[in-house]
């Protein structure tokens, strides 16, 4: 029971945050940006107009992930869960 619940928790909470989080080496004051230019920050990061440097999309979130888009993460996890259910 605990293994099943832990797998469900992993797919519902931390894995989507990890897949959406940006690379740690592309955040912070060393990476200045312009708020008008959406391409000035890497995937999963956005330009904070008050700070003028790239920050995390998820407030309070970490970094170190691939920075995938929300739709891509949802499609991947939905497809994986459906395929895994078919295998079972």
PDB file of N, CA and C in Angstrom:
ATOM      1  N   UNK A   1       0.825  -1.192   0.000  1.00  0.00           N
ATOM      2  CA  UNK A   1       0.000   0.000   0.000  1.00  0.00           C
ATOM      3  C   UNK A   1       0.875   1.264   0.000  1.00  0.00           C
ATOM      4  N   UNK A   2       1.934   1.260   0.828  1.00  0.00           N
ATOM      5  CA  UNK A   2       2.775   2.445   0.910  1.00  0.00           C
ATOM      6  C   UNK A   2       3.553   2.683  -0.379  1.00  0.00           C
ATOM      7  N   UNK A   3       3.989   1.607  -1.043  1.00  0.00           N
ATOM      8  CA  UNK A   3       4.702   1.768  -2.308  1.00  0.00           C
ATOM      9  C   UNK A   3       3.790   2.356  -3.378  1.00  0.00           C
ATOM     10  N   UNK A   4       2.538   1.900  -3.428  1.00  0.00           N
ATOM     11  CA  UNK A   4       1.589   2.432  -4.399  1.00  0.00           C
ATOM     12  C   UNK A   4       1.321   3.909  -4.132  1.00  0.00           C
ATOM     13  N   UNK A   5       1.100   4.254  -2.875  1.00  0.00           N
ATOM     14  CA  UNK A   5       0.814   5.647  -2.529  1.00  0.00           C
ATOM     15  C   UNK A   5       2.017   6.538  -2.791  1.00  0.00           C
ATOM     16  N   UNK A   6       3.218   6.043  -2.546  1.00  0.00           N
ATOM     17  CA  UNK A   6       4.404   6.866  -2.780  1.00  0.00           C
ATOM     18  C   UNK A   6       4.598   7.122  -4.268  1.00  0.00           C
ATOM     19  N   UNK A   7       4.292   6.129  -5.108  1.00  0.00           N
ATOM     20  CA  UNK A   7       4.404   6.344  -6.556  1.00  0.00           C
ATOM     21  C   UNK A   7       3.404   7.396  -7.019  1.00  0.00           C
ATOM     22  N   UNK A   8       2.188   7.324  -6.527  1.00  0.00           N
ATOM     23  CA  UNK A   8       1.183   8.313  -6.901  1.00  0.00           C
ATOM     24  C   UNK A   8       1.574   9.706  -6.433  1.00  0.00           C
ATOM     25  N   UNK A   9       2.085   9.791  -5.220  1.00  0.00           N
ATOM     26  CA  UNK A   9       2.504  11.094  -4.712  1.00  0.00           C
ATOM     27  C   UNK A   9       3.649  11.650  -5.556  1.00  0.00           C
ATOM     28  N   UNK A  10       4.602  10.810  -5.930  1.00  0.00           N
ATOM     29  CA  UNK A  10       5.752  11.247  -6.728  1.00  0.00           C
ATOM     30  C   UNK A  10       5.293  11.828  -8.065  1.00  0.00           C
ATOM     31  N   UNK A  11       4.314  11.206  -8.717  1.00  0.00           N
ATOM     32  CA  UNK A  11       3.855  11.678 -10.023  1.00  0.00           C
ATOM     33  C   UNK A  11       2.936  12.893  -9.923  1.00  0.00           C
ATOM     34  N   UNK A  12       2.316  13.107  -8.787  1.00  0.00           N
ATOM     35  CA  UNK A  12       1.377  14.223  -8.668  1.00  0.00           C
ATOM     36  C   UNK A  12       2.012  15.504  -8.152  1.00  0.00           C
ATOM     37  N   UNK A  13       3.062  15.404  -7.351  1.00  0.00           N
ATOM     38  CA  UNK A  13       3.601  16.611  -6.727  1.00  0.00           C
ATOM     39  C   UNK A  13       5.040  16.918  -7.157  1.00  0.00           C
ATOM     40  N   UNK A  14       6.058  16.179  -6.730  1.00  0.00           N
ATOM     41  CA  UNK A  14       7.428  16.644  -6.990  1.00  0.00           C
ATOM     42  C   UNK A  14       7.906  16.486  -8.421  1.00  0.00           C
ATOM     43  N   UNK A  15       7.511  15.440  -9.117  1.00  0.00           N
ATOM     44  CA  UNK A  15       8.006  15.243 -10.485  1.00  0.00           C
ATOM     45  C   UNK A  15       7.592  16.364 -11.434  1.00  0.00           C
ATOM     46  N   UNK A  16       6.331  16.825 -11.438  1.00  0.00           N
ATOM     47  CA  UNK A  16       6.001  17.958 -12.307  1.00  0.00           C
ATOM     48  C   UNK A  16       6.791  19.229 -11.977  1.00  0.00           C
ATOM     49  N   UNK A  17       7.030  19.478 -10.691  1.00  0.00           N
ATOM     50  CA  UNK A  17       7.831  20.649 -10.326  1.00  0.00           C
ATOM     51  C   UNK A  17       9.266  20.506 -10.819  1.00  0.00           C
ATOM     52  N   UNK A  18       9.824  19.308 -10.692  1.00  0.00           N
ATOM     53  CA  UNK A  18      11.186  19.091 -11.166  1.00  0.00           C
ATOM     54  C   UNK A  18      11.264  19.268 -12.686  1.00  0.00           C
ATOM     55  N   UNK A  19      10.332  18.686 -13.422  1.00  0.00           N
ATOM     56  CA  UNK A  19      10.375  18.768 -14.880  1.00  0.00           C
ATOM     57  C   UNK A  19      10.189  20.199 -15.384  1.00  0.00           C
ATOM     58  N   UNK A  20       9.504  21.041 -14.624  1.00  0.00           N
ATOM     59  CA  UNK A  20       9.293  22.436 -15.034  1.00  0.00           C
ATOM     60  C   UNK A  20      10.374  23.378 -14.543  1.00  0.00           C
ATOM     61  N   UNK A  21      11.186  22.970 -13.581  1.00  0.00           N
ATOM     62  CA  UNK A  21      12.179  23.880 -13.001  1.00  0.00           C
ATOM     63  C   UNK A  21      13.343  24.114 -13.971  1.00  0.00           C
ATOM     64  N   UNK A  22      13.864  25.335 -13.992  1.00  0.00           N
ATOM     65  CA  UNK A  22      14.963  25.671 -14.908  1.00  0.00           C
ATOM     66  C   UNK A  22      16.310  25.195 -14.378  1.00  0.00           C
ATOM     67  N   UNK A  23      17.301  25.253 -15.238  1.00  0.00           N
ATOM     68  CA  UNK A  23      18.664  24.910 -14.871  1.00  0.00           C
ATOM     69  C   UNK A  23      19.190  25.941 -13.872  1.00  0.00           C
ATOM     70  N   UNK A  24      19.869  25.490 -12.820  1.00  0.00           N
ATOM     71  CA  UNK A  24      20.362  26.407 -11.774  1.00  0.00           C
ATOM     72  C   UNK A  24      21.418  27.374 -12.298  1.00  0.00           C
ATOM     73  N   UNK A  25      22.155  26.986 -13.307  1.00  0.00           N
ATOM     74  CA  UNK A  25      23.258  27.814 -13.803  1.00  0.00           C
ATOM     75  C   UNK A  25      22.777  28.970 -14.677  1.00  0.00           C
ATOM     76  N   UNK A  26      21.473  29.054 -14.918  1.00  0.00           N
ATOM     77  CA  UNK A  26      20.952  30.125 -15.775  1.00  0.00           C
ATOM     78  C   UNK A  26      20.053  31.092 -15.016  1.00  0.00           C
ATOM     79  N   UNK A  27      20.135  31.092 -13.699  1.00  0.00           N
ATOM     80  CA  UNK A  27      19.317  31.978 -12.873  1.00  0.00           C
ATOM     81  C   UNK A  27      20.201  32.920 -12.076  1.00  0.00           C
ATOM     82  N   UNK A  28      19.625  34.022 -11.649  1.00  0.00           N
ATOM     83  CA  UNK A  28      20.315  34.914 -10.735  1.00  0.00           C
ATOM     84  C   UNK A  28      20.845  36.177 -11.373  1.00  0.00           C
ATOM     85  N   UNK A  29      21.512  36.988 -10.572  1.00  0.00           N
ATOM     86  CA  UNK A  29      21.986  38.301 -11.027  1.00  0.00           C
ATOM     87  C   UNK A  29      22.992  38.248 -12.170  1.00  0.00           C
ATOM     88  N   UNK A  30      23.652  37.119 -12.365  1.00  0.00           N
ATOM     89  CA  UNK A  30      24.626  37.014 -13.457  1.00  0.00           C
ATOM     90  C   UNK A  30      23.962  36.948 -14.824  1.00  0.00           C
ATOM     91  N   UNK A  31      22.649  36.687 -14.866  1.00  0.00           N
ATOM     92  CA  UNK A  31      21.936  36.538 -16.130  1.00  0.00           C
ATOM     93  C   UNK A  31      20.889  37.636 -16.256  1.00  0.00           C
ATOM     94  N   UNK A  32      21.323  38.788 -16.699  1.00  0.00           N
ATOM     95  CA  UNK A  32      20.408  39.921 -16.853  1.00  0.00           C
ATOM     96  C   UNK A  32      19.488  39.687 -18.049  1.00  0.00           C
ATOM     97  N   UNK A  33      18.347  40.341 -18.019  1.00  0.00           N
ATOM     98  CA  UNK A  33      17.362  40.165 -19.081  1.00  0.00           C
ATOM     99  C   UNK A  33      16.570  41.449 -19.247  1.00  0.00           C
ATOM    100  N   UNK A  34      15.772  41.473 -20.297  1.00  0.00           N
ATOM    101  CA  UNK A  34      14.861  42.591 -20.523  1.00  0.00           C
ATOM    102  C   UNK A  34      13.433  42.057 -20.445  1.00  0.00           C
ATOM    103  N   UNK A  35      12.559  42.694 -19.675  1.00  0.00           N
ATOM    104  CA  UNK A  35      11.192  42.187 -19.503  1.00  0.00           C
ATOM    105  C   UNK A  35      10.407  42.093 -20.810  1.00  0.00           C
ATOM    106  N   UNK A  36      10.763  42.886 -21.817  1.00  0.00           N
ATOM    107  CA  UNK A  36      10.029  42.855 -23.080  1.00  0.00           C
ATOM    108  C   UNK A  36      10.427  41.677 -23.962  1.00  0.00           C
ATOM    109  N   UNK A  37      11.603  41.116 -23.746  1.00  0.00           N
ATOM    110  CA  UNK A  37      12.114  40.032 -24.581  1.00  0.00           C
ATOM    111  C   UNK A  37      11.893  38.700 -23.881  1.00  0.00           C
ATOM    112  N   UNK A  38      10.939  37.895 -24.385  1.00  0.00           N
ATOM    113  CA  UNK A  38      10.627  36.602 -23.771  1.00  0.00           C
ATOM    114  C   UNK A  38      11.761  35.592 -23.938  1.00  0.00           C
ATOM    115  N   UNK A  39      12.598  35.753 -24.945  1.00  0.00           N
ATOM    116  CA  UNK A  39      13.657  34.791 -25.213  1.00  0.00           C
ATOM    117  C   UNK A  39      14.955  35.074 -24.487  1.00  0.00           C
ATOM    118  N   UNK A  40      14.964  36.087 -23.615  1.00  0.00           N
ATOM    119  CA  UNK A  40      16.216  36.418 -22.938  1.00  0.00           C
ATOM    120  C   UNK A  40      16.546  35.454 -21.802  1.00  0.00           C
ATOM    121  N   UNK A  41      15.570  34.694 -21.324  1.00  0.00           N
ATOM    122  CA  UNK A  41      15.800  33.686 -20.284  1.00  0.00           C
ATOM    123  C   UNK A  41      15.592  32.294 -20.868  1.00  0.00           C
ATOM    124  N   UNK A  42      16.202  31.297 -20.228  1.00  0.00           N
ATOM    125  CA  UNK A  42      16.069  29.923 -20.711  1.00  0.00           C
ATOM    126  C   UNK A  42      14.705  29.358 -20.372  1.00  0.00           C
ATOM    127  N   UNK A  43      14.432  28.159 -20.884  1.00  0.00           N
ATOM    128  CA  UNK A  43      13.155  27.506 -20.606  1.00  0.00           C
ATOM    129  C   UNK A  43      12.967  27.315 -19.108  1.00  0.00           C
ATOM    130  N   UNK A  44      11.765  27.547 -18.633  1.00  0.00           N
ATOM    131  CA  UNK A  44      11.444  27.377 -17.225  1.00  0.00           C
ATOM    132  C   UNK A  44      11.766  28.587 -16.375  1.00  0.00           C
ATOM    133  N   UNK A  45      12.327  29.624 -16.968  1.00  0.00           N
ATOM    134  CA  UNK A  45      12.658  30.842 -16.225  1.00  0.00           C
ATOM    135  C   UNK A  45      11.956  32.022 -16.876  1.00  0.00           C
ATOM    136  N   UNK A  46      11.774  33.080 -16.100  1.00  0.00           N
ATOM    137  CA  UNK A  46      11.191  34.287 -16.663  1.00  0.00           C
ATOM    138  C   UNK A  46      11.955  35.492 -16.144  1.00  0.00           C
ATOM    139  N   UNK A  47      11.796  36.590 -16.839  1.00  0.00           N
ATOM    140  CA  UNK A  47      12.494  37.814 -16.481  1.00  0.00           C
ATOM    141  C   UNK A  47      11.660  38.570 -15.444  1.00  0.00           C
ATOM    142  N   UNK A  48      12.224  38.767 -14.275  1.00  0.00           N
ATOM    143  CA  UNK A  48      11.548  39.516 -13.222  1.00  0.00           C
ATOM    144  C   UNK A  48      11.777  41.008 -13.466  1.00  0.00           C
ATOM    145  N   UNK A  49      10.716  41.789 -13.784  1.00  0.00           N
ATOM    146  CA  UNK A  49      10.915  43.198 -14.128  1.00  0.00           C
ATOM    147  C   UNK A  49      11.465  44.043 -12.974  1.00  0.00           C
ATOM    148  N   UNK A  50      11.208  43.646 -11.745  1.00  0.00           N
ATOM    149  CA  UNK A  50      11.717  44.428 -10.617  1.00  0.00           C
ATOM    150  C   UNK A  50      13.197  44.164 -10.355  1.00  0.00           C
ATOM    151  N   UNK A  51      13.686  43.000 -10.780  1.00  0.00           N
ATOM    152  CA  UNK A  51      15.084  42.639 -10.536  1.00  0.00           C
ATOM    153  C   UNK A  51      15.956  42.719 -11.777  1.00  0.00           C
ATOM    154  N   UNK A  52      15.335  42.629 -12.964  1.00  0.00           N
ATOM    155  CA  UNK A  52      16.028  42.616 -14.259  1.00  0.00           C
ATOM    156  C   UNK A  52      17.008  41.454 -14.402  1.00  0.00           C
ATOM    157  N   UNK A  53      16.653  40.314 -13.830  1.00  0.00           N
ATOM    158  CA  UNK A  53      17.400  39.088 -14.117  1.00  0.00           C
ATOM    159  C   UNK A  53      16.454  37.891 -14.084  1.00  0.00           C
ATOM    160  N   UNK A  54      16.928  36.768 -14.608  1.00  0.00           N
ATOM    161  CA  UNK A  54      16.098  35.571 -14.779  1.00  0.00           C
ATOM    162  C   UNK A  54      15.819  34.908 -13.427  1.00  0.00           C
ATOM    163  N   UNK A  55      14.545  34.590 -13.198  1.00  0.00           N
ATOM    164  CA  UNK A  55      14.130  33.914 -11.975  1.00  0.00           C
ATOM    165  C   UNK A  55      13.303  32.686 -12.333  1.00  0.00           C
ATOM    166  N   UNK A  56      12.956  31.897 -11.320  1.00  0.00           N
ATOM    167  CA  UNK A  56      12.193  30.675 -11.510  1.00  0.00           C
ATOM    168  C   UNK A  56      10.731  31.006 -11.796  1.00  0.00           C
ATOM    169  N   UNK A  57      10.097  30.223 -12.677  1.00  0.00           N
ATOM    170  CA  UNK A  57       8.674  30.398 -12.982  1.00  0.00           C
ATOM    171  C   UNK A  57       7.835  30.040 -11.763  1.00  0.00           C
ATOM    172  N   UNK A  58       8.199  28.964 -11.075  1.00  0.00           N
ATOM    173  CA  UNK A  58       7.453  28.504  -9.912  1.00  0.00           C
ATOM    174  C   UNK A  58       7.886  29.292  -8.681  1.00  0.00           C
ATOM    175  N   UNK A  59       6.993  30.059  -8.066  1.00  0.00           N
ATOM    176  CA  UNK A  59       7.387  30.814  -6.885  1.00  0.00           C
ATOM    177  C   UNK A  59       7.797  29.867  -5.757  1.00  0.00           C
ATOM    178  N   UNK A  60       8.950  30.099  -5.193  1.00  0.00           N
ATOM    179  CA  UNK A  60       9.451  29.236  -4.133  1.00  0.00           C
ATOM    180  C   UNK A  60       9.983  27.917  -4.626  1.00  0.00           C
ATOM    181  N   UNK A  61      10.015  27.726  -5.937  1.00  0.00           N
ATOM    182  CA  UNK A  61      10.475  26.465  -6.498  1.00  0.00           C
ATOM    183  C   UNK A  61      11.978  26.391  -6.589  1.00  0.00           C
ATOM    184  N   UNK A  62      12.461  25.202  -6.799  1.00  0.00           N
ATOM    185  CA  UNK A  62      13.894  24.985  -6.911  1.00  0.00           C
ATOM    186  C   UNK A  62      14.357  25.090  -8.340  1.00  0.00           C
ATOM    187  N   UNK A  63      15.546  24.602  -8.571  1.00  0.00           N
ATOM    188  CA  UNK A  63      16.107  24.591  -9.917  1.00  0.00           C
ATOM    189  C   UNK A  63      16.857  23.280 -10.119  1.00  0.00           C
ATOM    190  N   UNK A  64      17.332  23.055 -11.307  1.00  0.00           N
ATOM    191  CA  UNK A  64      18.067  21.837 -11.598  1.00  0.00           C
ATOM    192  C   UNK A  64      17.356  20.895 -12.549  1.00  0.00           C
ATOM    193  N   UNK A  65      16.186  21.271 -13.021  1.00  0.00           N
ATOM    194  CA  UNK A  65      15.430  20.422 -13.933  1.00  0.00           C
ATOM    195  C   UNK A  65      15.617  20.840 -15.375  1.00  0.00           C
ATOM    196  N   UNK A  66      14.897  20.181 -16.283  1.00  0.00           N
ATOM    197  CA  UNK A  66      15.030  20.498 -17.706  1.00  0.00           C
ATOM    198  C   UNK A  66      14.260  21.738 -18.153  1.00  0.00           C
ATOM    199  N   UNK A  67      13.365  22.278 -17.346  1.00  0.00           N
ATOM    200  CA  UNK A  67      12.630  23.491 -17.700  1.00  0.00           C
ATOM    201  C   UNK A  67      11.592  23.285 -18.782  1.00  0.00           C
ATOM    202  N   UNK A  68      10.887  22.167 -18.748  1.00  0.00           N
ATOM    203  CA  UNK A  68       9.880  21.876 -19.768  1.00  0.00           C
ATOM    204  C   UNK A  68       8.633  22.722 -19.572  1.00  0.00           C
ATOM    205  N   UNK A  69       7.868  22.894 -20.641  1.00  0.00           N
ATOM    206  CA  UNK A  69       6.626  23.648 -20.599  1.00  0.00           C
ATOM    207  C   UNK A  69       5.554  22.846 -19.861  1.00  0.00           C
ATOM    208  N   UNK A  70       4.580  23.532 -19.292  1.00  0.00           N
ATOM    209  CA  UNK A  70       3.522  22.881 -18.518  1.00  0.00           C
ATOM    210  C   UNK A  70       2.731  21.862 -19.357  1.00  0.00           C
ATOM    211  N   UNK A  71       2.444  22.197 -20.597  1.00  0.00           N
ATOM    212  CA  UNK A  71       1.678  21.295 -21.463  1.00  0.00           C
ATOM    213  C   UNK A  71       2.483  20.032 -21.763  1.00  0.00           C
ATOM    214  N   UNK A  72       3.777  20.174 -21.989  1.00  0.00           N
ATOM    215  CA  UNK A  72       4.635  19.019 -22.279  1.00  0.00           C
ATOM    216  C   UNK A  72       4.706  18.104 -21.059  1.00  0.00           C
ATOM    217  N   UNK A  73       4.852  18.675 -19.884  1.00  0.00           N
ATOM    218  CA  UNK A  73       4.911  17.872 -18.660  1.00  0.00           C
ATOM    219  C   UNK A  73       3.592  17.130 -18.454  1.00  0.00           C
ATOM    220  N   UNK A  74       2.465  17.812 -18.631  1.00  0.00           N
ATOM    221  CA  UNK A  74       1.166  17.173 -18.467  1.00  0.00           C
ATOM    222  C   UNK A  74       0.935  16.052 -19.474  1.00  0.00           C
ATOM    223  N   UNK A  75       1.328  16.280 -20.728  1.00  0.00           N
ATOM    224  CA  UNK A  75       1.164  15.244 -21.752  1.00  0.00           C
ATOM    225  C   UNK A  75       2.055  14.036 -21.463  1.00  0.00           C
ATOM    226  N   UNK A  76       3.296  14.297 -21.045  1.00  0.00           N
ATOM    227  CA  UNK A  76       4.210  13.196 -20.742  1.00  0.00           C
ATOM    228  C   UNK A  76       3.697  12.355 -19.577  1.00  0.00           C
ATOM    229  N   UNK A  77       3.324  13.009 -18.479  1.00  0.00           N
ATOM    230  CA  UNK A  77       2.863  12.266 -17.310  1.00  0.00           C
ATOM    231  C   UNK A  77       1.533  11.561 -17.580  1.00  0.00           C
ATOM    232  N   UNK A  78       0.626  12.227 -18.306  1.00  0.00           N
ATOM    233  CA  UNK A  78      -0.642  11.576 -18.652  1.00  0.00           C
ATOM    234  C   UNK A  78      -0.430  10.358 -19.524  1.00  0.00           C
ATOM    235  N   UNK A  79       0.432  10.490 -20.536  1.00  0.00           N
ATOM    236  CA  UNK A  79       0.732   9.347 -21.404  1.00  0.00           C
ATOM    237  C   UNK A  79       1.405   8.220 -20.653  1.00  0.00           C
ATOM    238  N   UNK A  80       2.334   8.560 -19.763  1.00  0.00           N
ATOM    239  CA  UNK A  80       3.024   7.530 -18.985  1.00  0.00           C
ATOM    240  C   UNK A  80       2.053   6.776 -18.085  1.00  0.00           C
ATOM    241  N   UNK A  81       1.157   7.495 -17.426  1.00  0.00           N
ATOM    242  CA  UNK A  81       0.211   6.845 -16.522  1.00  0.00           C
ATOM    243  C   UNK A  81      -0.737   5.935 -17.295  1.00  0.00           C
ATOM    244  N   UNK A  82      -1.179   6.380 -18.462  1.00  0.00           N
ATOM    245  CA  UNK A  82      -2.070   5.545 -19.279  1.00  0.00           C
ATOM    246  C   UNK A  82      -1.349   4.295 -19.764  1.00  0.00           C
ATOM    247  N   UNK A  83      -0.133   4.461 -20.274  1.00  0.00           N
ATOM    248  CA  UNK A  83       0.633   3.304 -20.755  1.00  0.00           C
ATOM    249  C   UNK A  83       0.993   2.350 -19.612  1.00  0.00           C
ATOM    250  N   UNK A  84       1.353   2.893 -18.469  1.00  0.00           N
ATOM    251  CA  UNK A  84       1.690   2.053 -17.313  1.00  0.00           C
ATOM    252  C   UNK A  84       0.463   1.260 -16.868  1.00  0.00           C
ATOM    253  N   UNK A  85      -0.706   1.893 -16.898  1.00  0.00           N
ATOM    254  CA  UNK A  85      -1.931   1.187 -16.543  1.00  0.00           C
ATOM    255  C   UNK A  85      -2.257   0.067 -17.514  1.00  0.00           C
ATOM    256  N   UNK A  86      -1.958   0.278 -18.787  1.00  0.00           N
ATOM    257  CA  UNK A  86      -2.202  -0.785 -19.771  1.00  0.00           C
ATOM    258  C   UNK A  86      -1.270  -1.968 -19.555  1.00  0.00           C
ATOM    259  N   UNK A  87      -0.044  -1.693 -19.169  1.00  0.00           N
ATOM    260  CA  UNK A  87       0.918  -2.773 -18.912  1.00  0.00           C
ATOM    261  C   UNK A  87       0.496  -3.590 -17.699  1.00  0.00           C
ATOM    262  N   UNK A  88      -0.025  -2.901 -16.688  1.00  0.00           N
ATOM    263  CA  UNK A  88      -0.465  -3.639 -15.492  1.00  0.00           C
ATOM    264  C   UNK A  88      -1.655  -4.514 -15.820  1.00  0.00           C
TER     265      UNK A  88
END
